[in-house]
N, C-alpha and C. Protein backbone atom coordinates (compact mmCIF):
# COMPACT_ATOMS: atom_id res chain seq x y z
N MET A 1 46.70 10.83 -25.92
CA MET A 1 47.30 11.41 -27.06
C MET A 1 47.63 10.54 -28.08
N THR A 2 48.11 9.29 -27.84
CA THR A 2 48.62 8.28 -28.70
C THR A 2 47.46 7.82 -29.48
N ASP A 3 46.22 7.55 -28.60
CA ASP A 3 44.74 7.24 -29.49
C ASP A 3 44.56 8.27 -30.57
N LEU A 4 44.54 9.62 -30.14
CA LEU A 4 44.42 10.56 -31.04
C LEU A 4 45.25 10.57 -32.15
N ALA A 5 46.46 10.17 -31.96
CA ALA A 5 47.25 10.19 -33.15
C ALA A 5 47.15 9.15 -34.13
N SER A 6 46.74 8.03 -33.28
CA SER A 6 46.32 6.74 -34.29
C SER A 6 45.09 7.16 -35.15
N ARG A 7 44.22 7.75 -34.46
CA ARG A 7 42.90 7.87 -35.15
C ARG A 7 42.92 8.95 -36.20
N LEU A 8 43.79 9.92 -35.85
CA LEU A 8 44.09 10.92 -36.99
C LEU A 8 44.85 10.41 -38.15
N SER A 9 45.96 9.53 -37.89
CA SER A 9 46.47 8.94 -39.19
C SER A 9 45.67 7.97 -39.89
N ALA A 10 44.73 7.12 -39.11
CA ALA A 10 44.01 6.37 -39.94
C ALA A 10 43.06 6.79 -41.10
N ILE A 11 42.68 8.08 -40.53
CA ILE A 11 41.55 9.04 -41.24
C ILE A 11 42.34 9.62 -42.36
N ASP A 12 43.56 9.86 -42.10
CA ASP A 12 44.41 10.70 -43.29
C ASP A 12 44.66 9.38 -44.15
N GLU A 13 45.27 8.51 -43.79
CA GLU A 13 45.34 7.42 -44.84
C GLU A 13 44.14 6.97 -45.59
N ARG A 14 42.95 7.00 -45.23
CA ARG A 14 41.84 6.51 -46.04
C ARG A 14 41.54 7.62 -46.82
N ILE A 15 41.82 8.83 -46.24
CA ILE A 15 41.51 9.95 -47.33
C ILE A 15 42.61 10.07 -48.53
N VAL A 16 43.69 9.70 -48.35
CA VAL A 16 44.87 9.63 -49.52
C VAL A 16 44.29 8.40 -50.29
N ASP A 17 44.06 7.28 -49.94
CA ASP A 17 43.40 6.13 -50.74
C ASP A 17 42.37 6.71 -51.35
N ALA A 18 41.43 7.27 -50.91
CA ALA A 18 39.90 7.63 -51.75
C ALA A 18 40.44 8.64 -52.60
N ALA A 19 41.39 9.38 -52.47
CA ALA A 19 42.06 10.37 -53.41
C ALA A 19 42.54 9.60 -54.56
N ARG A 20 43.29 9.00 -54.33
CA ARG A 20 44.11 8.17 -55.42
C ARG A 20 42.84 7.26 -56.11
N LEU A 21 42.09 6.76 -55.53
CA LEU A 21 41.37 5.91 -56.27
C LEU A 21 40.19 6.73 -57.10
N ALA A 22 40.14 8.17 -56.82
CA ALA A 22 39.37 8.83 -57.60
C ALA A 22 40.23 9.73 -58.77
N GLY A 23 41.31 9.39 -58.57
CA GLY A 23 42.57 9.86 -59.60
C GLY A 23 42.89 11.43 -59.19
N ARG A 24 42.52 11.72 -57.97
CA ARG A 24 42.59 13.15 -57.52
C ARG A 24 44.14 13.29 -56.56
N ASP A 25 44.38 14.36 -56.68
CA ASP A 25 45.71 14.65 -55.80
C ASP A 25 45.42 14.97 -54.36
N PRO A 26 45.72 14.23 -53.29
CA PRO A 26 45.38 14.25 -51.84
C PRO A 26 45.50 15.51 -51.37
N GLY A 27 46.68 16.05 -51.93
CA GLY A 27 47.19 17.50 -51.38
C GLY A 27 46.04 18.62 -51.64
N GLU A 28 44.98 18.25 -52.63
CA GLU A 28 44.06 19.62 -52.89
C GLU A 28 42.68 19.30 -51.96
N ILE A 29 42.78 18.31 -50.91
CA ILE A 29 41.59 18.03 -50.11
C ILE A 29 42.06 18.54 -48.58
N THR A 30 41.09 19.26 -48.12
CA THR A 30 41.28 19.89 -46.73
C THR A 30 40.57 19.07 -45.53
N ARG A 31 41.28 18.46 -44.72
CA ARG A 31 40.60 17.64 -43.76
C ARG A 31 40.39 18.46 -42.49
N ILE A 32 39.09 18.76 -42.11
CA ILE A 32 38.75 19.52 -41.18
C ILE A 32 38.08 18.95 -39.78
N VAL A 33 38.87 19.02 -38.48
CA VAL A 33 38.59 18.26 -37.63
C VAL A 33 37.28 18.93 -36.67
N VAL A 34 36.24 18.55 -36.50
CA VAL A 34 35.13 18.78 -35.98
C VAL A 34 35.17 18.57 -34.45
N THR A 35 35.24 19.57 -33.60
CA THR A 35 35.76 19.27 -32.08
C THR A 35 34.54 19.82 -31.13
N LYS A 36 33.28 19.57 -31.75
CA LYS A 36 32.01 19.82 -31.19
C LYS A 36 31.98 18.97 -29.85
N PHE A 37 31.57 19.96 -28.53
CA PHE A 37 31.71 19.59 -27.25
C PHE A 37 32.99 18.85 -26.70
N HIS A 38 33.94 18.73 -27.17
CA HIS A 38 35.37 18.77 -26.77
C HIS A 38 36.07 19.72 -26.09
N PRO A 39 36.78 19.50 -25.13
CA PRO A 39 37.45 20.84 -24.53
C PRO A 39 38.53 21.22 -25.57
N ALA A 40 39.18 22.79 -25.10
CA ALA A 40 40.00 23.14 -25.88
C ALA A 40 41.35 22.41 -25.94
N SER A 41 41.55 21.83 -24.78
CA SER A 41 42.80 21.26 -24.64
C SER A 41 42.71 20.04 -25.57
N LEU A 42 41.81 19.20 -26.21
CA LEU A 42 41.92 18.41 -27.15
C LEU A 42 42.53 19.10 -28.47
N VAL A 43 41.93 20.31 -28.71
CA VAL A 43 42.52 21.17 -30.03
C VAL A 43 43.85 21.58 -29.80
N ARG A 44 44.25 21.77 -28.59
CA ARG A 44 45.66 21.95 -28.44
C ARG A 44 46.52 20.78 -28.79
N ASP A 45 46.07 19.66 -28.48
CA ASP A 45 46.87 18.39 -28.69
C ASP A 45 46.72 18.04 -30.23
N LEU A 46 45.53 18.48 -30.95
CA LEU A 46 45.43 18.21 -32.54
C LEU A 46 46.41 19.11 -33.01
N ARG A 47 46.62 20.58 -32.79
CA ARG A 47 47.42 21.50 -33.13
C ARG A 47 49.10 20.72 -32.97
N THR A 48 49.37 19.89 -32.08
CA THR A 48 50.42 19.46 -31.75
C THR A 48 50.82 18.62 -32.63
N LEU A 49 49.74 17.64 -33.16
CA LEU A 49 50.00 16.74 -34.30
C LEU A 49 49.99 17.13 -35.93
N GLY A 50 49.57 18.44 -35.77
CA GLY A 50 50.03 19.32 -37.03
C GLY A 50 48.54 19.58 -37.68
N VAL A 51 47.46 19.54 -36.84
CA VAL A 51 46.37 19.91 -37.45
C VAL A 51 45.89 21.43 -37.14
N ARG A 52 45.61 21.96 -38.37
CA ARG A 52 45.43 23.46 -38.20
C ARG A 52 43.77 23.83 -38.58
N GLU A 53 43.21 23.16 -39.36
CA GLU A 53 41.79 23.45 -39.61
C GLU A 53 40.82 22.71 -38.59
N VAL A 54 39.89 23.59 -38.06
CA VAL A 54 39.25 23.02 -36.81
C VAL A 54 37.95 23.65 -37.15
N GLY A 55 36.57 22.84 -37.12
CA GLY A 55 35.45 23.30 -37.03
C GLY A 55 34.55 23.30 -35.95
N GLU A 56 33.50 24.16 -35.78
CA GLU A 56 32.60 24.16 -34.62
C GLU A 56 31.24 24.26 -35.10
N ASN A 57 30.33 23.76 -34.55
CA ASN A 57 29.04 23.87 -34.84
C ASN A 57 28.12 24.87 -34.23
N ARG A 58 28.48 25.40 -32.87
CA ARG A 58 27.96 26.42 -32.18
C ARG A 58 28.77 27.52 -31.91
N GLN A 59 28.03 28.79 -31.87
CA GLN A 59 28.70 29.96 -31.85
C GLN A 59 29.57 30.33 -30.73
N GLN A 60 28.82 29.90 -29.69
CA GLN A 60 29.39 30.25 -28.11
C GLN A 60 30.47 29.37 -27.87
N GLU A 61 30.49 28.14 -28.40
CA GLU A 61 31.81 27.16 -28.17
C GLU A 61 32.83 27.59 -29.18
N LEU A 62 32.41 28.05 -30.54
CA LEU A 62 33.66 28.66 -31.35
C LEU A 62 34.47 29.56 -30.82
N GLY A 63 33.55 30.78 -30.28
CA GLY A 63 34.00 31.97 -29.34
C GLY A 63 35.08 31.53 -28.39
N ALA A 64 34.41 30.64 -27.55
CA ALA A 64 35.26 30.35 -26.35
C ALA A 64 36.64 29.72 -26.66
N LYS A 65 36.40 28.88 -27.63
CA LYS A 65 37.75 28.20 -27.98
C LYS A 65 38.77 29.06 -28.62
N ALA A 66 38.03 29.91 -29.59
CA ALA A 66 38.99 30.66 -30.26
C ALA A 66 39.73 31.74 -29.24
N ASP A 67 39.07 31.78 -28.40
CA ASP A 67 39.65 33.04 -27.31
C ASP A 67 40.80 32.19 -26.72
N GLU A 68 40.38 31.18 -26.26
CA GLU A 68 41.45 30.39 -25.16
C GLU A 68 42.39 29.92 -25.91
N LEU A 69 42.65 29.67 -27.22
CA LEU A 69 43.62 29.06 -28.12
C LEU A 69 44.00 30.35 -28.98
N ALA A 70 44.05 31.45 -28.77
CA ALA A 70 44.67 32.54 -29.67
C ALA A 70 46.02 32.47 -29.96
N ASP A 71 46.69 31.95 -29.09
CA ASP A 71 47.81 31.59 -29.12
C ASP A 71 48.45 30.64 -30.28
N LEU A 72 47.59 29.84 -31.03
CA LEU A 72 47.61 28.94 -31.77
C LEU A 72 47.71 29.49 -33.19
N ASP A 73 48.24 28.82 -34.18
CA ASP A 73 47.79 28.95 -35.54
C ASP A 73 46.84 27.98 -35.92
N LEU A 74 45.53 28.42 -35.74
CA LEU A 74 44.58 27.79 -36.30
C LEU A 74 43.64 28.60 -37.10
N ARG A 75 42.90 27.78 -38.00
CA ARG A 75 41.86 28.25 -39.01
C ARG A 75 40.55 27.68 -38.41
N TRP A 76 39.71 28.46 -38.26
CA TRP A 76 38.48 28.13 -37.53
C TRP A 76 37.23 28.10 -38.65
N HIS A 77 36.35 27.05 -38.82
CA HIS A 77 35.46 26.84 -39.49
C HIS A 77 34.21 26.74 -38.89
N PHE A 78 33.32 27.76 -39.12
CA PHE A 78 31.93 27.69 -38.48
C PHE A 78 31.15 26.75 -39.51
N ILE A 79 30.48 25.61 -39.11
CA ILE A 79 29.89 24.97 -40.00
C ILE A 79 28.36 24.45 -39.29
N GLY A 80 27.80 25.21 -38.36
CA GLY A 80 26.48 24.95 -37.78
C GLY A 80 25.73 26.05 -38.55
N GLN A 81 24.57 25.75 -38.11
CA GLN A 81 23.29 26.77 -38.52
C GLN A 81 23.48 28.03 -37.85
N ALA A 82 23.46 29.08 -38.51
CA ALA A 82 23.76 30.49 -37.95
C ALA A 82 22.39 31.24 -37.74
N GLN A 83 22.40 31.83 -36.66
CA GLN A 83 21.16 32.85 -36.14
C GLN A 83 21.75 34.30 -36.60
N THR A 84 20.87 34.82 -37.46
CA THR A 84 21.35 36.25 -37.90
C THR A 84 21.88 37.21 -36.67
N ASN A 85 21.31 37.17 -35.58
CA ASN A 85 21.63 38.01 -34.30
C ASN A 85 23.11 37.60 -33.66
N LYS A 86 23.47 36.25 -34.19
CA LYS A 86 24.72 35.73 -33.78
C LYS A 86 25.94 36.26 -35.06
N ALA A 87 25.50 36.89 -35.92
CA ALA A 87 26.69 36.94 -37.08
C ALA A 87 27.68 37.59 -36.73
N ALA A 88 27.59 38.69 -36.03
CA ALA A 88 28.85 39.49 -35.29
C ALA A 88 29.70 38.69 -34.68
N ALA A 89 29.34 37.78 -33.77
CA ALA A 89 29.97 37.16 -32.79
C ALA A 89 30.75 36.00 -33.58
N ILE A 90 29.93 35.35 -34.56
CA ILE A 90 30.50 34.27 -35.40
C ILE A 90 31.75 35.00 -36.31
N ARG A 91 31.53 35.92 -36.87
CA ARG A 91 32.58 36.68 -37.76
C ARG A 91 33.85 37.08 -36.92
N ARG A 92 33.57 37.27 -35.66
CA ARG A 92 34.69 37.78 -34.70
C ARG A 92 35.87 36.56 -34.75
N SER A 93 35.23 35.35 -34.75
CA SER A 93 35.89 34.09 -34.25
C SER A 93 36.11 33.32 -35.69
N ALA A 94 35.33 33.36 -36.34
CA ALA A 94 35.52 32.23 -37.60
C ALA A 94 36.57 33.05 -38.64
N ASP A 95 37.04 32.30 -39.31
CA ASP A 95 37.77 32.33 -40.82
C ASP A 95 36.88 31.98 -41.89
N VAL A 96 36.21 31.01 -41.61
CA VAL A 96 35.39 30.45 -42.50
C VAL A 96 33.73 30.02 -42.18
N VAL A 97 32.86 30.46 -42.89
CA VAL A 97 31.36 30.23 -42.48
C VAL A 97 30.69 29.38 -43.58
N HIS A 98 30.56 28.20 -43.29
CA HIS A 98 30.20 27.15 -44.52
C HIS A 98 28.60 27.07 -44.50
N SER A 99 28.25 27.81 -43.82
CA SER A 99 26.76 27.84 -43.79
C SER A 99 25.65 28.83 -44.00
N VAL A 100 26.16 29.60 -44.90
CA VAL A 100 25.34 30.87 -45.38
C VAL A 100 24.20 30.15 -46.18
N ASP A 101 22.76 30.27 -45.87
CA ASP A 101 21.74 29.90 -46.38
C ASP A 101 20.72 30.86 -46.64
N ARG A 102 20.96 32.29 -46.59
CA ARG A 102 19.70 32.81 -46.80
C ARG A 102 20.37 34.67 -47.04
N PRO A 103 20.05 35.06 -47.62
CA PRO A 103 20.46 36.71 -47.89
C PRO A 103 20.55 37.50 -46.64
N ARG A 104 19.67 37.38 -45.66
CA ARG A 104 19.74 38.07 -44.24
C ARG A 104 20.98 37.90 -43.54
N LEU A 105 21.53 36.39 -43.49
CA LEU A 105 22.38 36.21 -42.70
C LEU A 105 23.76 36.54 -43.49
N ALA A 106 23.92 36.49 -45.00
CA ALA A 106 24.86 37.22 -45.56
C ALA A 106 24.86 38.58 -45.35
N ASP A 107 23.95 39.41 -45.40
CA ASP A 107 24.00 40.52 -45.02
C ASP A 107 24.48 41.26 -43.65
N ALA A 108 24.03 40.10 -42.34
CA ALA A 108 24.48 40.23 -41.13
C ALA A 108 25.97 40.08 -41.22
N LEU A 109 26.66 38.85 -41.65
CA LEU A 109 27.74 38.83 -41.69
C LEU A 109 28.60 39.90 -42.25
N HIS A 110 28.10 40.49 -43.35
CA HIS A 110 28.64 41.50 -44.13
C HIS A 110 28.94 43.07 -43.02
N ARG A 111 27.87 43.15 -42.48
CA ARG A 111 27.74 44.50 -41.52
C ARG A 111 28.73 44.13 -40.52
N ALA A 112 28.99 42.96 -40.03
CA ALA A 112 29.65 42.65 -38.99
C ALA A 112 31.29 42.98 -39.54
N ALA A 113 31.68 43.24 -40.62
CA ALA A 113 32.92 43.46 -41.17
C ALA A 113 33.60 44.38 -40.39
N ASP A 114 35.18 44.15 -40.03
CA ASP A 114 35.88 45.10 -39.30
C ASP A 114 37.03 45.55 -40.35
N GLY A 115 36.77 46.98 -40.76
CA GLY A 115 37.58 47.36 -41.48
C GLY A 115 37.64 46.59 -42.84
N ASP A 116 38.89 46.30 -43.27
CA ASP A 116 39.22 45.54 -44.78
C ASP A 116 38.95 44.27 -44.70
N ASP A 117 38.78 43.67 -43.38
CA ASP A 117 38.62 41.90 -43.31
C ASP A 117 37.50 41.40 -44.37
N VAL A 118 38.00 40.36 -44.91
CA VAL A 118 37.28 39.65 -45.86
C VAL A 118 36.89 38.33 -45.16
N LEU A 119 35.80 37.84 -45.18
CA LEU A 119 35.14 36.38 -44.67
C LEU A 119 35.35 35.51 -45.73
N ASP A 120 35.90 34.31 -45.70
CA ASP A 120 35.27 33.38 -46.65
C ASP A 120 34.12 32.56 -46.35
N VAL A 121 33.12 32.45 -47.45
CA VAL A 121 31.82 31.73 -46.84
C VAL A 121 31.52 30.83 -47.99
N LEU A 122 30.51 29.86 -47.78
CA LEU A 122 30.10 28.95 -48.70
C LEU A 122 28.47 28.90 -48.80
N VAL A 123 27.87 28.70 -49.61
CA VAL A 123 26.44 28.69 -49.78
C VAL A 123 26.09 27.23 -49.52
N GLN A 124 25.14 27.11 -48.33
CA GLN A 124 24.78 25.82 -48.03
C GLN A 124 23.69 25.28 -48.62
N VAL A 125 23.72 24.20 -49.37
CA VAL A 125 22.79 23.62 -49.99
C VAL A 125 22.01 22.50 -49.46
N ASN A 126 20.69 22.64 -49.49
CA ASN A 126 19.92 21.52 -48.75
C ASN A 126 19.60 20.48 -49.75
N LEU A 127 19.94 19.28 -49.59
CA LEU A 127 19.62 18.15 -50.50
C LEU A 127 18.52 17.47 -50.31
N THR A 128 18.03 17.75 -49.26
CA THR A 128 16.63 16.94 -48.69
C THR A 128 15.39 17.68 -49.44
N GLN A 129 14.68 17.05 -49.09
CA GLN A 129 13.22 17.48 -49.49
C GLN A 129 12.36 18.24 -48.09
N ASP A 130 13.14 18.20 -47.04
CA ASP A 130 12.88 18.70 -45.77
C ASP A 130 13.09 20.34 -45.46
N GLN A 131 12.00 21.20 -45.86
CA GLN A 131 12.33 22.51 -45.82
C GLN A 131 12.87 23.27 -44.60
N GLY A 132 12.55 22.52 -43.50
CA GLY A 132 13.12 22.77 -42.12
C GLY A 132 14.61 22.49 -42.05
N ARG A 133 15.16 21.72 -42.92
CA ARG A 133 16.47 21.71 -42.98
C ARG A 133 17.34 22.93 -43.33
N GLY A 134 18.87 23.22 -42.80
CA GLY A 134 19.30 24.28 -43.15
C GLY A 134 19.68 24.25 -44.72
N GLY A 135 19.88 25.39 -45.47
CA GLY A 135 20.54 25.10 -46.61
C GLY A 135 19.50 25.83 -47.59
N VAL A 136 19.69 26.13 -48.66
CA VAL A 136 18.77 26.52 -49.79
C VAL A 136 18.59 25.41 -50.68
N GLY A 137 17.58 25.74 -51.34
CA GLY A 137 17.40 24.37 -52.52
C GLY A 137 18.44 24.35 -53.42
N PRO A 138 18.64 23.58 -54.51
CA PRO A 138 19.77 23.49 -55.41
C PRO A 138 19.31 24.82 -56.64
N ASP A 139 17.98 24.74 -56.60
CA ASP A 139 17.83 26.02 -57.46
C ASP A 139 17.85 27.20 -57.07
N GLU A 140 18.05 27.35 -55.77
CA GLU A 140 18.14 28.75 -55.16
C GLU A 140 19.61 29.33 -54.96
N ALA A 141 20.41 28.44 -55.04
CA ALA A 141 21.54 28.48 -54.71
C ALA A 141 22.60 29.61 -55.53
N ARG A 142 22.07 29.65 -56.73
CA ARG A 142 22.61 30.38 -57.81
C ARG A 142 22.25 32.08 -57.41
N ALA A 143 20.87 32.18 -57.21
CA ALA A 143 20.47 33.49 -56.58
C ALA A 143 21.22 34.02 -55.35
N LEU A 144 21.13 32.93 -54.12
CA LEU A 144 22.06 33.46 -53.12
C LEU A 144 23.44 33.87 -53.47
N SER A 145 24.07 32.89 -54.29
CA SER A 145 25.60 33.27 -54.80
C SER A 145 25.71 34.92 -55.32
N ASP A 146 24.68 34.85 -56.04
CA ASP A 146 24.97 36.32 -56.68
C ASP A 146 24.70 37.36 -55.58
N HIS A 147 23.90 37.25 -54.80
CA HIS A 147 23.89 38.16 -53.75
C HIS A 147 24.87 38.37 -52.89
N ILE A 148 25.99 37.16 -52.32
CA ILE A 148 26.92 37.40 -51.96
C ILE A 148 27.94 38.23 -52.69
N LEU A 149 28.08 37.68 -53.99
CA LEU A 149 28.99 38.59 -54.62
C LEU A 149 28.86 40.12 -54.54
N GLU A 150 27.56 40.31 -54.17
CA GLU A 150 27.50 41.94 -54.03
C GLU A 150 28.10 42.59 -52.65
N LEU A 151 28.26 41.69 -51.93
CA LEU A 151 29.00 42.25 -50.40
C LEU A 151 30.47 42.09 -50.54
N PRO A 152 31.00 43.12 -50.52
CA PRO A 152 32.71 43.25 -50.54
C PRO A 152 33.43 42.70 -49.47
N SER A 153 32.62 42.35 -48.47
CA SER A 153 33.54 41.92 -47.07
C SER A 153 33.67 40.43 -47.09
N LEU A 154 32.69 39.82 -48.01
CA LEU A 154 32.42 38.28 -48.25
C LEU A 154 33.11 37.90 -49.41
N ALA A 155 33.91 36.53 -49.20
CA ALA A 155 34.31 36.08 -50.56
C ALA A 155 33.72 34.64 -50.71
N LEU A 156 33.16 34.49 -51.60
CA LEU A 156 32.21 33.29 -52.03
C LEU A 156 33.29 32.23 -52.53
N ARG A 157 33.54 30.98 -51.50
CA ARG A 157 34.49 30.25 -51.82
C ARG A 157 33.91 28.69 -52.43
N GLY A 158 32.38 28.61 -52.35
CA GLY A 158 31.91 27.39 -52.78
C GLY A 158 30.76 27.38 -52.29
N VAL A 159 30.34 25.75 -52.17
CA VAL A 159 29.12 25.07 -51.40
C VAL A 159 29.68 24.09 -50.38
N MET A 160 28.38 23.99 -49.58
CA MET A 160 28.57 23.12 -48.54
C MET A 160 27.25 22.13 -48.56
N ALA A 161 27.22 21.07 -48.27
CA ALA A 161 26.00 20.18 -47.83
C ALA A 161 26.42 19.27 -47.21
N VAL A 162 25.35 18.71 -46.33
CA VAL A 162 25.19 17.18 -45.74
C VAL A 162 24.26 16.27 -46.76
N ALA A 163 24.75 15.05 -46.64
CA ALA A 163 24.14 14.06 -47.47
C ALA A 163 22.79 13.47 -46.85
N PRO A 164 21.63 13.59 -47.41
CA PRO A 164 20.39 13.10 -46.74
C PRO A 164 20.66 11.53 -46.29
N LEU A 165 20.06 11.20 -45.12
CA LEU A 165 20.08 9.91 -44.81
C LEU A 165 19.38 8.56 -45.58
N ASP A 166 18.42 9.39 -46.37
CA ASP A 166 17.78 8.33 -47.19
C ASP A 166 17.92 8.18 -48.62
N GLU A 167 19.20 8.82 -48.90
CA GLU A 167 19.64 8.54 -50.47
C GLU A 167 21.04 8.35 -50.19
N GLU A 168 21.42 7.57 -51.48
CA GLU A 168 22.88 7.12 -51.49
C GLU A 168 23.67 8.19 -51.67
N PRO A 169 24.86 8.42 -51.03
CA PRO A 169 25.92 9.62 -50.77
C PRO A 169 26.25 10.27 -52.18
N ALA A 170 26.56 9.08 -52.89
CA ALA A 170 27.33 9.14 -54.25
C ALA A 170 26.33 10.15 -55.20
N SER A 171 25.23 9.73 -55.13
CA SER A 171 23.98 10.48 -56.05
C SER A 171 23.69 11.96 -55.25
N ALA A 172 23.68 12.16 -54.08
CA ALA A 172 23.51 13.12 -53.55
C ALA A 172 24.60 14.24 -53.58
N PHE A 173 26.07 13.60 -53.49
CA PHE A 173 26.90 14.81 -53.95
C PHE A 173 27.23 14.77 -55.38
N ALA A 174 26.83 14.01 -56.04
CA ALA A 174 26.59 14.30 -57.83
C ALA A 174 25.75 15.68 -57.92
N ARG A 175 24.68 15.65 -57.27
CA ARG A 175 23.70 17.04 -57.38
C ARG A 175 24.27 18.07 -56.90
N LEU A 176 25.31 18.09 -55.64
CA LEU A 176 25.85 19.19 -55.02
C LEU A 176 26.76 19.68 -56.16
N ARG A 177 27.71 18.74 -56.76
CA ARG A 177 28.70 18.93 -57.65
C ARG A 177 28.26 19.63 -58.72
N ALA A 178 26.89 19.35 -59.09
CA ALA A 178 26.25 20.12 -60.28
C ALA A 178 25.98 21.53 -60.02
N VAL A 179 25.33 21.78 -58.56
CA VAL A 179 25.35 23.03 -58.13
C VAL A 179 26.56 23.73 -57.90
N ALA A 180 27.71 23.32 -57.48
CA ALA A 180 28.87 24.01 -57.50
C ALA A 180 29.71 24.15 -58.99
N ASP A 181 29.26 23.38 -60.01
CA ASP A 181 29.46 23.86 -61.37
C ASP A 181 28.99 24.98 -61.69
N ASP A 182 27.51 25.11 -61.45
CA ASP A 182 26.73 26.16 -61.99
C ASP A 182 27.18 27.63 -61.43
N ILE A 183 27.62 27.40 -59.95
CA ILE A 183 28.23 28.71 -59.35
C ILE A 183 29.32 29.20 -60.11
N ARG A 184 30.23 28.18 -60.32
CA ARG A 184 31.46 28.75 -60.96
C ARG A 184 31.34 29.43 -62.40
N THR A 185 30.33 29.27 -62.84
CA THR A 185 30.07 29.93 -64.02
C THR A 185 30.01 31.50 -63.95
N VAL A 186 29.54 31.79 -62.63
CA VAL A 186 29.49 33.43 -62.14
C VAL A 186 30.69 33.91 -61.31
N GLU A 187 31.15 32.89 -60.70
CA GLU A 187 32.38 33.11 -59.71
C GLU A 187 33.28 31.87 -59.99
N PRO A 188 34.40 32.05 -60.90
CA PRO A 188 35.37 30.89 -61.22
C PRO A 188 35.95 30.67 -60.09
N THR A 189 36.50 31.60 -59.26
CA THR A 189 37.17 31.02 -58.02
C THR A 189 36.52 30.34 -56.95
N ALA A 190 35.43 30.14 -57.03
CA ALA A 190 34.37 29.56 -56.14
C ALA A 190 34.56 27.87 -56.20
N HIS A 191 35.69 27.30 -55.89
CA HIS A 191 35.72 25.97 -56.24
C HIS A 191 35.83 24.99 -54.92
N TRP A 192 35.45 25.67 -53.86
CA TRP A 192 35.47 24.69 -52.77
C TRP A 192 34.13 23.80 -52.56
N ILE A 193 34.17 22.68 -52.53
CA ILE A 193 33.09 21.76 -52.04
C ILE A 193 33.16 21.10 -50.70
N SER A 194 32.61 21.76 -49.81
CA SER A 194 32.62 21.20 -48.54
C SER A 194 31.31 19.96 -48.27
N ALA A 195 31.92 18.97 -48.16
CA ALA A 195 31.05 17.55 -48.14
C ALA A 195 31.73 16.36 -47.61
N GLY A 196 30.88 15.66 -47.01
CA GLY A 196 31.84 14.48 -46.64
C GLY A 196 32.30 14.41 -45.08
N MET A 197 31.57 13.35 -44.49
CA MET A 197 31.85 13.26 -42.90
C MET A 197 32.47 11.72 -42.97
N THR A 198 32.62 11.39 -41.80
CA THR A 198 33.23 10.12 -41.34
C THR A 198 32.41 9.01 -42.21
N GLY A 199 31.28 9.03 -42.41
CA GLY A 199 30.43 7.78 -43.06
C GLY A 199 30.32 7.82 -44.74
N ASP A 200 30.81 8.92 -45.09
CA ASP A 200 30.51 9.16 -46.65
C ASP A 200 31.67 10.14 -47.28
N PHE A 201 32.85 10.17 -46.51
CA PHE A 201 33.74 11.18 -47.20
C PHE A 201 34.40 10.58 -48.48
N VAL A 202 34.49 9.22 -48.54
CA VAL A 202 34.85 8.43 -50.02
C VAL A 202 34.18 8.80 -50.97
N GLU A 203 32.66 8.94 -50.88
CA GLU A 203 31.72 9.29 -51.82
C GLU A 203 31.79 10.64 -52.20
N ALA A 204 32.24 11.80 -51.15
CA ALA A 204 32.50 13.21 -51.30
C ALA A 204 33.59 13.43 -52.10
N ILE A 205 34.59 12.63 -51.96
CA ILE A 205 36.04 12.79 -52.45
C ILE A 205 35.68 12.45 -54.23
N ALA A 206 35.13 11.41 -54.16
CA ALA A 206 34.97 11.10 -55.71
C ALA A 206 34.05 12.03 -56.56
N ALA A 207 33.16 12.63 -55.83
CA ALA A 207 32.37 13.67 -56.29
C ALA A 207 32.97 15.12 -56.49
N GLY A 208 34.52 15.04 -55.86
CA GLY A 208 35.07 16.43 -56.12
C GLY A 208 35.17 17.27 -54.81
N ALA A 209 34.64 16.71 -53.68
CA ALA A 209 34.77 17.53 -52.40
C ALA A 209 36.54 17.93 -52.22
N THR A 210 36.38 19.35 -51.91
CA THR A 210 37.74 19.65 -51.30
C THR A 210 37.97 20.09 -49.95
N HIS A 211 36.92 19.75 -49.09
CA HIS A 211 36.81 20.05 -47.82
C HIS A 211 36.13 19.09 -47.09
N LEU A 212 36.53 18.10 -46.05
CA LEU A 212 35.99 17.19 -45.38
C LEU A 212 35.91 17.68 -44.03
N ARG A 213 34.61 17.16 -43.46
CA ARG A 213 34.18 17.58 -42.12
C ARG A 213 34.29 16.07 -41.10
N ILE A 214 35.40 16.04 -40.42
CA ILE A 214 35.40 14.66 -39.67
C ILE A 214 35.41 15.01 -38.26
N GLY A 215 34.69 14.45 -37.55
CA GLY A 215 34.52 14.68 -36.12
C GLY A 215 34.89 13.25 -35.29
N SER A 216 34.14 12.29 -34.85
CA SER A 216 34.29 11.61 -33.59
C SER A 216 35.48 10.34 -34.36
N ALA A 217 35.20 10.30 -35.61
CA ALA A 217 36.45 9.27 -36.09
C ALA A 217 37.88 9.69 -35.67
N ILE A 218 38.16 11.03 -35.46
CA ILE A 218 39.39 11.44 -35.01
C ILE A 218 39.49 11.66 -33.47
N THR A 219 38.37 12.38 -33.08
CA THR A 219 38.38 13.10 -31.69
C THR A 219 38.08 11.94 -30.88
N GLY A 220 37.31 10.84 -31.14
CA GLY A 220 36.87 10.11 -30.03
C GLY A 220 35.30 10.31 -29.71
N PRO A 221 34.63 9.69 -28.99
CA PRO A 221 33.30 9.77 -28.56
C PRO A 221 33.26 11.25 -27.73
N ARG A 222 32.02 12.03 -28.17
CA ARG A 222 31.96 13.10 -27.52
C ARG A 222 31.77 13.17 -25.88
N PRO A 223 32.46 14.14 -25.45
CA PRO A 223 32.06 14.07 -23.58
C PRO A 223 30.56 14.15 -23.46
N GLU A 224 30.16 13.56 -22.26
CA GLU A 224 28.84 14.07 -22.08
C GLU A 224 28.59 15.59 -21.40
N ARG A 225 27.64 16.03 -22.08
CA ARG A 225 27.41 17.42 -21.45
C ARG A 225 26.81 17.23 -19.99
N GLY A 226 27.22 18.12 -19.39
CA GLY A 226 26.75 18.36 -18.21
C GLY A 226 25.44 19.26 -17.85
């Protein structure tokens, strides 16, 4: 617990420093702790340390942890690639879905709505040339955003992306910022930019990121999977 607290504090200090260097208010940046493969007990420890925003990549793990930790005040972010046939299960557990990358997925999430419930979603943008990667191309993000805006149970909050390995993060995030600015011309409230992980969150903050996805730098090494 002491090591966990130290790692969390160190990352938060770096976030504050990066925000101030970029002339931004650190309070407008949300730090999401990604707990992939870690037990629910670690999330409980994180909550004791004040963490509320938690991210998961896999639907099954998200559902299991959300159920086990239902007594805690947590906000669950689904950040992995989503299968359309898992949309209902994802919606039952997630408060935010960062990885909407096609109209069929948006439609499936919408159909899974329970009453007047509204789900926060982000358009995932593929910043690479690899068509097999998750996300829509930057030139397709506007059309997907328009589609989402037609679905009343989804609230378009902004964009998400992962920086390519073969490009400087600053230039990649600048391209994402341009996509985000374009989307805000049709939905002014869609101001979230989910970008930046352990190795590049400083550049993401400089480009306007509002949500950072930080994993092992806070949680420690992922456990071996049995």
